[in-house]
């Protein structure tokens, strides 16, 4: 008899499905929260939003469309956009936000970024068309620093990676008891 011809019955794993409407609702909320977290972590979305803000657009909360803040004002020069998005890309990347950084490391990285932005805007103000537009320089610097700071603080003490791990492992907790521990409230896993 050939080993491939032998029938081996497979063990069926019991599937834990929500039974009550409350469990179905909690399961849907969980899915939406995880989907929201993943969307927020997507560096492509973050960089696109930052680029649009650098170009002078804002997102209309009602329509979700990008709207030019001042239609009469020209967009910043393409070199500025390329350089600044290029500098920001590694900072808002998943590898950065999911890393384990100390507050001291975040402060050092922010200091370096602030110095680079200041030097670049001063040294290239003519190229960027910002010789006398100090308000625009400040706006661009603020967008860059706020974006970087927000991203880097998510990595302090591995905070973001812990949240992701908890969100992913929530399905295990939804099945009841694990290792003798009772199931906790869904939202308890996102509190830090």
N, C-alpha and C. Protein backbone atom coordinates (compact mmCIF):
# COMPACT_ATOMS: atom_id res chain seq x y z
N UNK A 1 0.84 -1.18 0.00
CA UNK A 1 0.00 0.00 0.00
C UNK A 1 0.89 1.24 0.00
N UNK A 2 0.52 2.18 -0.81
CA UNK A 2 1.27 3.41 -0.97
C UNK A 2 0.85 4.40 0.14
N UNK A 3 1.80 5.10 0.80
CA UNK A 3 1.44 6.03 1.87
C UNK A 3 0.50 7.15 1.42
N UNK A 4 0.53 7.51 0.13
CA UNK A 4 -0.35 8.57 -0.34
C UNK A 4 -1.80 8.10 -0.46
N UNK A 5 -2.00 6.78 -0.50
CA UNK A 5 -3.35 6.24 -0.65
C UNK A 5 -4.06 6.06 0.69
N UNK A 6 -3.35 6.27 1.78
CA UNK A 6 -3.94 6.07 3.11
C UNK A 6 -4.71 7.34 3.50
N UNK A 7 -5.90 7.20 4.00
CA UNK A 7 -6.73 8.32 4.44
C UNK A 7 -6.47 8.59 5.92
N UNK A 8 -6.06 9.79 6.20
CA UNK A 8 -5.84 10.21 7.58
C UNK A 8 -6.89 11.26 7.91
N UNK A 9 -7.80 10.97 8.82
CA UNK A 9 -8.80 11.97 9.17
C UNK A 9 -8.13 13.17 9.85
N UNK A 10 -8.55 14.35 9.47
CA UNK A 10 -7.97 15.56 10.05
C UNK A 10 -8.80 16.03 11.23
N UNK A 11 -8.08 16.53 12.21
CA UNK A 11 -8.76 17.07 13.39
C UNK A 11 -9.36 18.42 13.00
N UNK A 12 -10.59 18.62 13.33
CA UNK A 12 -11.26 19.90 13.10
C UNK A 12 -11.08 20.78 14.33
N UNK A 13 -10.63 21.99 14.12
CA UNK A 13 -10.50 22.94 15.22
C UNK A 13 -11.85 23.60 15.44
N UNK A 14 -12.31 23.62 16.68
CA UNK A 14 -13.58 24.32 16.91
C UNK A 14 -13.40 25.81 16.64
N UNK A 15 -14.35 26.37 15.94
CA UNK A 15 -14.31 27.79 15.60
C UNK A 15 -15.17 28.52 16.62
N UNK A 16 -14.55 29.50 17.26
CA UNK A 16 -15.26 30.29 18.25
C UNK A 16 -15.92 31.47 17.55
N UNK A 17 -17.19 31.40 17.37
CA UNK A 17 -17.94 32.46 16.69
C UNK A 17 -18.75 33.23 17.73
N UNK A 18 -18.89 34.53 17.53
CA UNK A 18 -19.74 35.28 18.43
C UNK A 18 -21.18 34.76 18.37
N UNK A 19 -21.80 34.69 19.52
CA UNK A 19 -23.14 34.12 19.59
C UNK A 19 -24.19 35.22 19.79
N UNK A 20 -23.93 36.11 20.69
CA UNK A 20 -24.92 37.14 20.99
C UNK A 20 -24.67 38.38 20.13
N UNK A 21 -25.65 39.24 20.08
CA UNK A 21 -25.48 40.48 19.31
C UNK A 21 -24.41 41.36 19.93
N UNK A 22 -24.24 41.32 21.25
CA UNK A 22 -23.18 42.09 21.90
C UNK A 22 -21.80 41.60 21.47
N UNK A 23 -21.65 40.28 21.36
CA UNK A 23 -20.37 39.72 20.93
C UNK A 23 -20.08 40.05 19.46
N UNK A 24 -21.12 40.04 18.64
CA UNK A 24 -20.95 40.40 17.24
C UNK A 24 -20.55 41.87 17.13
N UNK A 25 -21.21 42.72 17.90
CA UNK A 25 -20.89 44.15 17.90
C UNK A 25 -19.46 44.39 18.38
N UNK A 26 -19.05 43.72 19.46
CA UNK A 26 -17.69 43.88 19.99
C UNK A 26 -16.66 43.40 18.97
N UNK A 27 -16.99 42.32 18.26
CA UNK A 27 -16.09 41.80 17.24
C UNK A 27 -15.93 42.80 16.10
N UNK A 28 -17.02 43.44 15.69
CA UNK A 28 -16.96 44.45 14.63
C UNK A 28 -16.16 45.67 15.08
N UNK A 29 -16.36 46.10 16.30
CA UNK A 29 -15.59 47.24 16.83
C UNK A 29 -14.11 46.90 16.83
N UNK A 30 -13.78 45.68 17.26
CA UNK A 30 -12.39 45.24 17.28
C UNK A 30 -11.79 45.30 15.88
N UNK A 31 -12.51 44.79 14.89
CA UNK A 31 -12.03 44.80 13.51
C UNK A 31 -11.79 46.24 13.03
N UNK A 32 -12.72 47.13 13.34
CA UNK A 32 -12.59 48.53 12.91
C UNK A 32 -11.40 49.21 13.59
N UNK A 33 -11.19 48.93 14.87
CA UNK A 33 -10.06 49.53 15.59
C UNK A 33 -8.75 49.06 14.98
N UNK A 34 -8.62 47.78 14.73
CA UNK A 34 -7.39 47.24 14.15
C UNK A 34 -7.18 47.82 12.75
N UNK A 35 -8.26 47.92 11.95
CA UNK A 35 -8.17 48.49 10.60
C UNK A 35 -7.72 49.95 10.67
N UNK A 36 -8.24 50.69 11.63
CA UNK A 36 -7.87 52.08 11.81
C UNK A 36 -6.40 52.22 12.19
N UNK A 37 -5.94 51.35 13.09
CA UNK A 37 -4.54 51.40 13.51
C UNK A 37 -3.62 51.11 12.33
N UNK A 38 -3.96 50.10 11.55
CA UNK A 38 -3.14 49.74 10.39
C UNK A 38 -3.10 50.89 9.39
N UNK A 39 -4.23 51.55 9.16
CA UNK A 39 -4.27 52.69 8.23
C UNK A 39 -3.41 53.84 8.74
N UNK A 40 -3.44 54.07 10.04
CA UNK A 40 -2.63 55.15 10.61
C UNK A 40 -1.14 54.84 10.51
N UNK A 41 -0.80 53.57 10.57
CA UNK A 41 0.60 53.18 10.51
C UNK A 41 1.16 53.16 9.10
N UNK A 42 0.31 53.16 8.11
CA UNK A 42 0.76 53.06 6.74
C UNK A 42 1.59 54.29 6.37
N UNK A 43 2.89 54.11 6.18
CA UNK A 43 3.75 55.27 5.89
C UNK A 43 3.37 55.99 4.60
N UNK A 44 2.84 55.26 3.63
CA UNK A 44 2.45 55.91 2.37
C UNK A 44 1.33 56.92 2.61
N UNK A 45 0.34 56.55 3.43
CA UNK A 45 -0.73 57.49 3.77
C UNK A 45 -0.18 58.69 4.52
N UNK A 46 0.69 58.43 5.48
CA UNK A 46 1.25 59.52 6.26
C UNK A 46 2.05 60.48 5.39
N UNK A 47 2.91 59.94 4.54
CA UNK A 47 3.74 60.79 3.69
C UNK A 47 2.90 61.58 2.68
N UNK A 48 1.85 60.95 2.16
CA UNK A 48 0.97 61.66 1.23
C UNK A 48 0.29 62.83 1.95
N UNK A 49 -0.19 62.60 3.16
CA UNK A 49 -0.84 63.67 3.93
C UNK A 49 0.14 64.81 4.21
N UNK A 50 1.36 64.46 4.59
CA UNK A 50 2.37 65.48 4.88
C UNK A 50 2.72 66.26 3.62
N UNK A 51 2.89 65.55 2.51
CA UNK A 51 3.20 66.22 1.25
C UNK A 51 2.11 67.21 0.86
N UNK A 52 0.87 66.80 0.98
CA UNK A 52 -0.24 67.69 0.64
C UNK A 52 -0.25 68.92 1.54
N UNK A 53 0.05 68.74 2.81
CA UNK A 53 0.10 69.88 3.73
C UNK A 53 1.27 70.80 3.39
N UNK A 54 2.41 70.23 3.04
CA UNK A 54 3.55 71.05 2.62
C UNK A 54 3.19 71.86 1.37
N UNK A 55 2.40 71.29 0.49
CA UNK A 55 2.00 71.97 -0.75
C UNK A 55 0.95 73.06 -0.50
N UNK A 56 0.43 73.14 0.73
CA UNK A 56 -0.52 74.19 1.05
C UNK A 56 -1.97 73.76 0.98
N UNK A 57 -2.23 72.48 1.12
CA UNK A 57 -3.60 71.97 1.09
C UNK A 57 -4.03 71.55 2.50
N UNK A 58 -5.32 71.47 2.68
CA UNK A 58 -5.90 70.92 3.91
C UNK A 58 -6.97 69.93 3.49
N UNK A 59 -7.24 68.97 4.36
CA UNK A 59 -8.25 67.96 4.03
C UNK A 59 -9.59 68.43 4.56
N UNK A 60 -10.57 68.52 3.68
CA UNK A 60 -11.93 68.89 4.07
C UNK A 60 -12.54 67.72 4.83
N UNK A 61 -12.90 67.95 6.08
CA UNK A 61 -13.42 66.86 6.92
C UNK A 61 -14.78 66.35 6.44
N UNK A 62 -15.51 67.17 5.75
CA UNK A 62 -16.84 66.76 5.27
C UNK A 62 -16.74 65.89 4.01
N UNK A 63 -15.88 66.28 3.07
CA UNK A 63 -15.80 65.56 1.80
C UNK A 63 -14.61 64.60 1.73
N UNK A 64 -13.60 64.81 2.57
CA UNK A 64 -12.40 63.98 2.52
C UNK A 64 -11.47 64.38 1.38
N UNK A 65 -11.79 65.47 0.68
CA UNK A 65 -10.98 65.95 -0.44
C UNK A 65 -9.95 66.97 0.04
N UNK A 66 -8.84 67.06 -0.70
CA UNK A 66 -7.82 68.05 -0.41
C UNK A 66 -8.21 69.38 -1.06
N UNK A 67 -8.14 70.45 -0.27
CA UNK A 67 -8.54 71.78 -0.72
C UNK A 67 -7.37 72.74 -0.53
N UNK A 68 -7.06 73.53 -1.56
CA UNK A 68 -5.97 74.51 -1.46
C UNK A 68 -6.38 75.58 -0.46
N UNK A 69 -5.50 75.85 0.51
CA UNK A 69 -5.82 76.84 1.55
C UNK A 69 -5.90 78.23 0.94
N UNK A 70 -4.91 78.59 0.14
CA UNK A 70 -4.91 79.89 -0.53
C UNK A 70 -4.69 79.65 -2.02
N UNK A 71 -5.77 79.64 -2.81
CA UNK A 71 -5.64 79.33 -4.25
C UNK A 71 -4.72 80.29 -5.01
N UNK A 72 -4.50 81.50 -4.48
CA UNK A 72 -3.66 82.48 -5.15
C UNK A 72 -2.17 82.28 -4.88
N UNK A 73 -1.85 81.48 -3.87
CA UNK A 73 -0.46 81.28 -3.49
C UNK A 73 0.11 80.07 -4.24
N UNK A 74 1.28 80.21 -4.86
CA UNK A 74 1.87 79.08 -5.57
C UNK A 74 2.37 78.01 -4.58
N UNK A 75 2.40 76.79 -5.07
CA UNK A 75 2.93 75.69 -4.24
C UNK A 75 4.43 75.87 -4.06
N UNK A 76 4.98 75.32 -2.98
CA UNK A 76 6.44 75.37 -2.80
C UNK A 76 7.14 74.67 -3.97
N UNK A 77 8.39 75.00 -4.14
CA UNK A 77 9.16 74.44 -5.26
C UNK A 77 9.30 72.92 -5.11
N UNK A 78 9.29 72.19 -6.23
CA UNK A 78 9.35 70.73 -6.19
C UNK A 78 10.58 70.18 -5.46
N UNK A 79 11.73 70.87 -5.57
CA UNK A 79 12.93 70.41 -4.87
C UNK A 79 12.71 70.38 -3.37
N UNK A 80 12.02 71.39 -2.84
CA UNK A 80 11.74 71.44 -1.41
C UNK A 80 10.88 70.25 -1.01
N UNK A 81 9.82 69.99 -1.76
CA UNK A 81 8.91 68.88 -1.45
C UNK A 81 9.68 67.56 -1.48
N UNK A 82 10.47 67.35 -2.54
CA UNK A 82 11.23 66.10 -2.67
C UNK A 82 12.20 65.91 -1.51
N UNK A 83 12.95 66.96 -1.18
CA UNK A 83 13.93 66.85 -0.09
C UNK A 83 13.26 66.58 1.24
N UNK A 84 12.18 67.29 1.53
CA UNK A 84 11.56 67.18 2.84
C UNK A 84 10.82 65.86 3.02
N UNK A 85 10.17 65.40 1.98
CA UNK A 85 9.52 64.08 2.06
C UNK A 85 10.60 63.00 2.16
N UNK A 86 11.71 63.18 1.44
CA UNK A 86 12.82 62.23 1.51
C UNK A 86 13.43 62.15 2.90
N UNK A 87 13.56 63.29 3.56
CA UNK A 87 14.10 63.32 4.93
C UNK A 87 13.11 62.71 5.91
N UNK A 88 11.83 62.95 5.69
CA UNK A 88 10.81 62.47 6.63
C UNK A 88 10.47 60.99 6.46
N UNK A 89 10.67 60.45 5.27
CA UNK A 89 10.27 59.06 4.98
C UNK A 89 10.83 58.04 5.98
N UNK A 90 12.12 58.06 6.31
CA UNK A 90 12.60 57.06 7.27
C UNK A 90 12.07 57.29 8.70
N UNK A 91 11.69 58.50 9.00
CA UNK A 91 11.21 58.81 10.36
C UNK A 91 9.79 58.31 10.56
N UNK A 92 8.95 58.41 9.53
CA UNK A 92 7.56 57.95 9.67
C UNK A 92 7.38 56.51 9.21
N UNK A 93 8.47 55.83 8.91
CA UNK A 93 8.39 54.45 8.45
C UNK A 93 7.94 53.52 9.57
N UNK A 94 7.44 52.36 9.19
CA UNK A 94 7.02 51.37 10.19
C UNK A 94 8.20 50.90 11.01
N UNK A 95 9.38 50.80 10.41
CA UNK A 95 10.53 50.34 11.19
C UNK A 95 10.89 51.35 12.28
N UNK A 96 10.65 52.62 12.03
CA UNK A 96 10.93 53.63 13.07
C UNK A 96 9.85 53.62 14.15
N UNK A 97 8.58 53.62 13.74
CA UNK A 97 7.51 53.71 14.74
C UNK A 97 7.37 52.43 15.55
N UNK A 98 7.78 51.29 14.99
CA UNK A 98 7.69 50.03 15.72
C UNK A 98 8.98 49.68 16.45
N UNK A 99 9.95 50.60 16.44
CA UNK A 99 11.20 50.34 17.14
C UNK A 99 11.07 50.69 18.62
N UNK A 100 12.15 50.55 19.34
CA UNK A 100 12.18 50.81 20.78
C UNK A 100 13.17 51.94 21.00
N UNK A 101 12.66 53.17 21.15
CA UNK A 101 13.52 54.34 21.34
C UNK A 101 13.34 54.90 22.74
N UNK A 102 14.41 55.46 23.26
CA UNK A 102 14.32 56.15 24.55
C UNK A 102 13.94 57.61 24.28
N UNK A 103 13.53 58.30 25.31
CA UNK A 103 13.21 59.73 25.15
C UNK A 103 14.45 60.51 24.72
N UNK A 104 15.60 60.11 25.23
CA UNK A 104 16.86 60.78 24.88
C UNK A 104 17.14 60.61 23.38
N UNK A 105 16.92 59.40 22.85
CA UNK A 105 17.14 59.17 21.43
C UNK A 105 16.17 60.00 20.57
N UNK A 106 14.92 60.08 20.99
CA UNK A 106 13.93 60.89 20.26
C UNK A 106 14.37 62.35 20.28
N UNK A 107 14.80 62.85 21.43
CA UNK A 107 15.25 64.25 21.52
C UNK A 107 16.46 64.51 20.62
N UNK A 108 17.40 63.56 20.57
CA UNK A 108 18.57 63.73 19.70
C UNK A 108 18.16 63.74 18.23
N UNK A 109 17.25 62.85 17.86
CA UNK A 109 16.79 62.82 16.47
C UNK A 109 16.05 64.10 16.11
N UNK A 110 15.23 64.59 17.01
CA UNK A 110 14.50 65.83 16.75
C UNK A 110 15.46 67.01 16.65
N UNK A 111 16.45 67.06 17.51
CA UNK A 111 17.44 68.14 17.46
C UNK A 111 18.14 68.14 16.10
N UNK A 112 18.54 66.96 15.63
CA UNK A 112 19.19 66.86 14.33
C UNK A 112 18.28 67.31 13.20
N UNK A 113 17.01 66.92 13.26
CA UNK A 113 16.05 67.32 12.23
C UNK A 113 15.83 68.83 12.24
N UNK A 114 15.67 69.40 13.41
CA UNK A 114 15.45 70.86 13.52
C UNK A 114 16.65 71.62 12.96
N UNK A 115 17.87 71.15 13.29
CA UNK A 115 19.07 71.81 12.76
C UNK A 115 19.13 71.70 11.24
N UNK A 116 18.78 70.52 10.71
CA UNK A 116 18.82 70.33 9.26
C UNK A 116 17.80 71.24 8.58
N UNK A 117 16.57 71.30 9.11
CA UNK A 117 15.52 72.14 8.51
C UNK A 117 15.95 73.60 8.53
N UNK A 118 16.45 74.06 9.67
CA UNK A 118 16.89 75.46 9.81
C UNK A 118 17.98 75.77 8.79
N UNK A 119 19.00 74.93 8.73
CA UNK A 119 20.10 75.16 7.78
C UNK A 119 19.60 75.12 6.34
N UNK A 120 18.77 74.13 6.02
CA UNK A 120 18.31 73.98 4.65
C UNK A 120 17.44 75.16 4.22
N UNK A 121 16.54 75.59 5.09
CA UNK A 121 15.68 76.72 4.71
C UNK A 121 16.49 78.01 4.60
N UNK A 122 17.51 78.18 5.43
CA UNK A 122 18.37 79.37 5.33
C UNK A 122 19.24 79.32 4.07
N UNK A 123 19.89 78.18 3.86
CA UNK A 123 20.85 78.07 2.75
C UNK A 123 20.17 78.00 1.38
N UNK A 124 18.95 77.51 1.32
CA UNK A 124 18.28 77.32 0.03
C UNK A 124 17.03 78.19 -0.12
N UNK A 125 16.93 79.24 0.67
CA UNK A 125 15.73 80.08 0.62
C UNK A 125 15.50 80.68 -0.76
N UNK A 126 16.57 81.04 -1.46
CA UNK A 126 16.43 81.61 -2.80
C UNK A 126 15.93 80.55 -3.78
N UNK A 127 16.51 79.35 -3.73
CA UNK A 127 16.08 78.24 -4.59
C UNK A 127 14.61 77.91 -4.36
N UNK A 128 14.19 77.93 -3.09
CA UNK A 128 12.82 77.58 -2.73
C UNK A 128 11.84 78.73 -2.93
N UNK A 129 12.36 79.93 -3.24
CA UNK A 129 11.49 81.10 -3.40
C UNK A 129 10.95 81.60 -2.07
N UNK A 130 11.73 81.40 -1.01
CA UNK A 130 11.29 81.79 0.34
C UNK A 130 12.23 82.82 0.96
N UNK A 131 12.88 83.65 0.12
CA UNK A 131 13.86 84.62 0.63
C UNK A 131 13.28 85.48 1.75
N UNK A 132 12.10 86.00 1.54
CA UNK A 132 11.52 86.92 2.52
C UNK A 132 10.23 86.37 3.15
N UNK A 133 9.85 85.18 2.78
CA UNK A 133 8.60 84.61 3.29
C UNK A 133 8.87 83.75 4.53
N UNK A 134 9.12 84.44 5.64
CA UNK A 134 9.46 83.75 6.88
C UNK A 134 8.27 82.99 7.47
N UNK A 135 7.07 83.46 7.20
CA UNK A 135 5.87 82.77 7.66
C UNK A 135 5.77 81.39 7.00
N UNK A 136 6.07 81.32 5.71
CA UNK A 136 6.02 80.05 4.99
C UNK A 136 7.14 79.12 5.48
N UNK A 137 8.30 79.67 5.74
CA UNK A 137 9.39 78.85 6.30
C UNK A 137 8.96 78.23 7.63
N UNK A 138 8.35 79.04 8.48
CA UNK A 138 7.89 78.55 9.78
C UNK A 138 6.83 77.48 9.61
N UNK A 139 5.90 77.70 8.68
CA UNK A 139 4.83 76.71 8.43
C UNK A 139 5.43 75.37 8.00
N UNK A 140 6.37 75.40 7.07
CA UNK A 140 7.00 74.17 6.58
C UNK A 140 7.77 73.48 7.70
N UNK A 141 8.54 74.26 8.46
CA UNK A 141 9.29 73.69 9.57
C UNK A 141 8.39 73.07 10.62
N UNK A 142 7.28 73.71 10.90
CA UNK A 142 6.33 73.19 11.90
C UNK A 142 5.70 71.89 11.42
N UNK A 143 5.29 71.82 10.17
CA UNK A 143 4.72 70.59 9.62
C UNK A 143 5.73 69.45 9.76
N UNK A 144 6.98 69.72 9.38
CA UNK A 144 8.02 68.70 9.44
C UNK A 144 8.28 68.24 10.88
N UNK A 145 8.46 69.19 11.78
CA UNK A 145 8.78 68.85 13.18
C UNK A 145 7.62 68.14 13.87
N UNK A 146 6.42 68.63 13.68
CA UNK A 146 5.26 67.99 14.31
C UNK A 146 5.07 66.57 13.80
N UNK A 147 5.23 66.38 12.49
CA UNK A 147 5.07 65.04 11.90
C UNK A 147 6.13 64.08 12.44
N UNK A 148 7.37 64.54 12.47
CA UNK A 148 8.45 63.68 12.96
C UNK A 148 8.27 63.37 14.44
N UNK A 149 7.94 64.39 15.22
CA UNK A 149 7.79 64.19 16.67
C UNK A 149 6.66 63.21 16.98
N UNK A 150 5.54 63.38 16.30
CA UNK A 150 4.40 62.48 16.51
C UNK A 150 4.78 61.05 16.18
N UNK A 151 5.50 60.86 15.10
CA UNK A 151 5.91 59.52 14.69
C UNK A 151 6.92 58.93 15.67
N UNK A 152 7.91 59.70 16.05
CA UNK A 152 8.97 59.19 16.94
C UNK A 152 8.46 58.90 18.34
N UNK A 153 7.54 59.70 18.85
CA UNK A 153 7.05 59.44 20.21
C UNK A 153 6.25 58.14 20.28
N UNK A 154 5.75 57.67 19.15
CA UNK A 154 5.05 56.39 19.15
C UNK A 154 6.02 55.24 19.43
N UNK A 155 7.32 55.47 19.19
CA UNK A 155 8.32 54.43 19.39
C UNK A 155 8.96 54.48 20.77
N UNK A 156 8.62 55.48 21.59
CA UNK A 156 9.24 55.56 22.92
C UNK A 156 8.88 54.31 23.72
N UNK A 157 9.92 53.64 24.20
CA UNK A 157 9.79 52.40 24.98
C UNK A 157 8.98 51.33 24.26
N UNK A 158 8.97 51.36 22.93
CA UNK A 158 8.26 50.33 22.16
C UNK A 158 6.76 50.41 22.27
N UNK A 159 6.24 51.58 22.59
CA UNK A 159 4.81 51.76 22.83
C UNK A 159 3.94 51.29 21.67
N UNK A 160 4.30 51.68 20.45
CA UNK A 160 3.48 51.34 19.28
C UNK A 160 3.52 49.84 19.00
N UNK A 161 4.69 49.25 19.09
CA UNK A 161 4.79 47.81 18.81
C UNK A 161 4.01 47.01 19.84
N UNK A 162 3.98 47.47 21.08
CA UNK A 162 3.19 46.80 22.12
C UNK A 162 1.70 46.89 21.80
N UNK A 163 1.25 48.04 21.35
CA UNK A 163 -0.16 48.21 21.00
C UNK A 163 -0.55 47.30 19.84
N UNK A 164 0.31 47.23 18.84
CA UNK A 164 0.02 46.38 17.69
C UNK A 164 -0.03 44.92 18.12
N UNK A 165 0.93 44.51 18.92
CA UNK A 165 0.95 43.13 19.38
C UNK A 165 -0.33 42.81 20.15
N UNK A 166 -0.76 43.73 21.00
CA UNK A 166 -1.98 43.51 21.77
C UNK A 166 -3.20 43.43 20.86
N UNK A 167 -3.24 44.29 19.84
CA UNK A 167 -4.38 44.28 18.93
C UNK A 167 -4.44 42.97 18.14
N UNK A 168 -3.28 42.50 17.72
CA UNK A 168 -3.25 41.25 16.95
C UNK A 168 -3.61 40.06 17.81
N UNK A 169 -3.17 40.07 19.06
CA UNK A 169 -3.43 38.92 19.92
C UNK A 169 -4.79 38.99 20.62
N UNK A 170 -5.58 40.01 20.32
CA UNK A 170 -6.90 40.13 20.94
C UNK A 170 -7.82 38.97 20.60
N UNK A 171 -7.66 38.43 19.41
CA UNK A 171 -8.56 37.34 19.02
C UNK A 171 -8.40 36.15 19.96
N UNK A 172 -7.20 35.95 20.49
CA UNK A 172 -7.00 34.87 21.46
C UNK A 172 -7.79 35.14 22.73
N UNK A 173 -7.83 36.38 23.14
CA UNK A 173 -8.52 36.73 24.38
C UNK A 173 -10.04 36.70 24.23
N UNK A 174 -10.50 36.91 23.01
CA UNK A 174 -11.95 36.92 22.79
C UNK A 174 -12.57 35.53 22.92
N UNK A 175 -11.74 34.50 22.92
CA UNK A 175 -12.28 33.14 22.99
C UNK A 175 -12.58 32.70 24.42
N UNK A 176 -12.38 33.53 25.39
CA UNK A 176 -12.71 33.16 26.78
C UNK A 176 -11.51 33.30 27.68
N UNK A 177 -11.17 32.19 28.35
CA UNK A 177 -10.05 32.22 29.28
C UNK A 177 -8.80 31.70 28.62
N UNK A 178 -7.69 32.30 29.00
CA UNK A 178 -6.40 31.85 28.51
C UNK A 178 -5.51 31.66 29.72
N UNK A 179 -5.00 30.48 29.87
CA UNK A 179 -4.11 30.21 31.00
C UNK A 179 -4.74 30.52 32.34
N UNK A 180 -6.03 30.32 32.46
CA UNK A 180 -6.71 30.56 33.73
C UNK A 180 -7.06 32.02 33.96
N UNK A 181 -6.70 32.89 33.03
CA UNK A 181 -7.03 34.31 33.19
C UNK A 181 -8.36 34.60 32.52
N UNK A 182 -9.15 35.44 33.15
CA UNK A 182 -10.44 35.82 32.56
C UNK A 182 -10.21 36.85 31.48
N UNK A 183 -11.14 36.87 30.54
CA UNK A 183 -11.10 37.82 29.43
C UNK A 183 -11.27 39.23 29.97
N UNK A 184 -10.43 40.16 29.50
CA UNK A 184 -10.51 41.56 29.90
C UNK A 184 -11.36 42.33 28.89
N UNK A 185 -11.72 43.52 29.27
CA UNK A 185 -12.46 44.38 28.35
C UNK A 185 -11.60 44.66 27.13
N UNK A 186 -12.23 44.71 25.95
CA UNK A 186 -11.52 44.94 24.70
C UNK A 186 -10.67 46.21 24.74
N UNK A 187 -11.21 47.28 25.24
CA UNK A 187 -10.51 48.56 25.22
C UNK A 187 -9.37 48.64 26.22
N UNK A 188 -9.32 47.72 27.20
CA UNK A 188 -8.22 47.70 28.17
C UNK A 188 -6.88 47.47 27.48
N UNK A 189 -6.88 46.80 26.34
CA UNK A 189 -5.62 46.47 25.67
C UNK A 189 -5.01 47.67 24.96
N UNK A 190 -5.77 48.75 24.76
CA UNK A 190 -5.23 49.91 24.08
C UNK A 190 -4.84 51.01 25.06
N UNK A 191 -5.03 50.78 26.34
CA UNK A 191 -4.64 51.76 27.35
C UNK A 191 -3.19 51.52 27.71
N UNK A 192 -2.46 52.58 27.84
CA UNK A 192 -1.05 52.47 28.22
C UNK A 192 -0.77 53.36 29.38
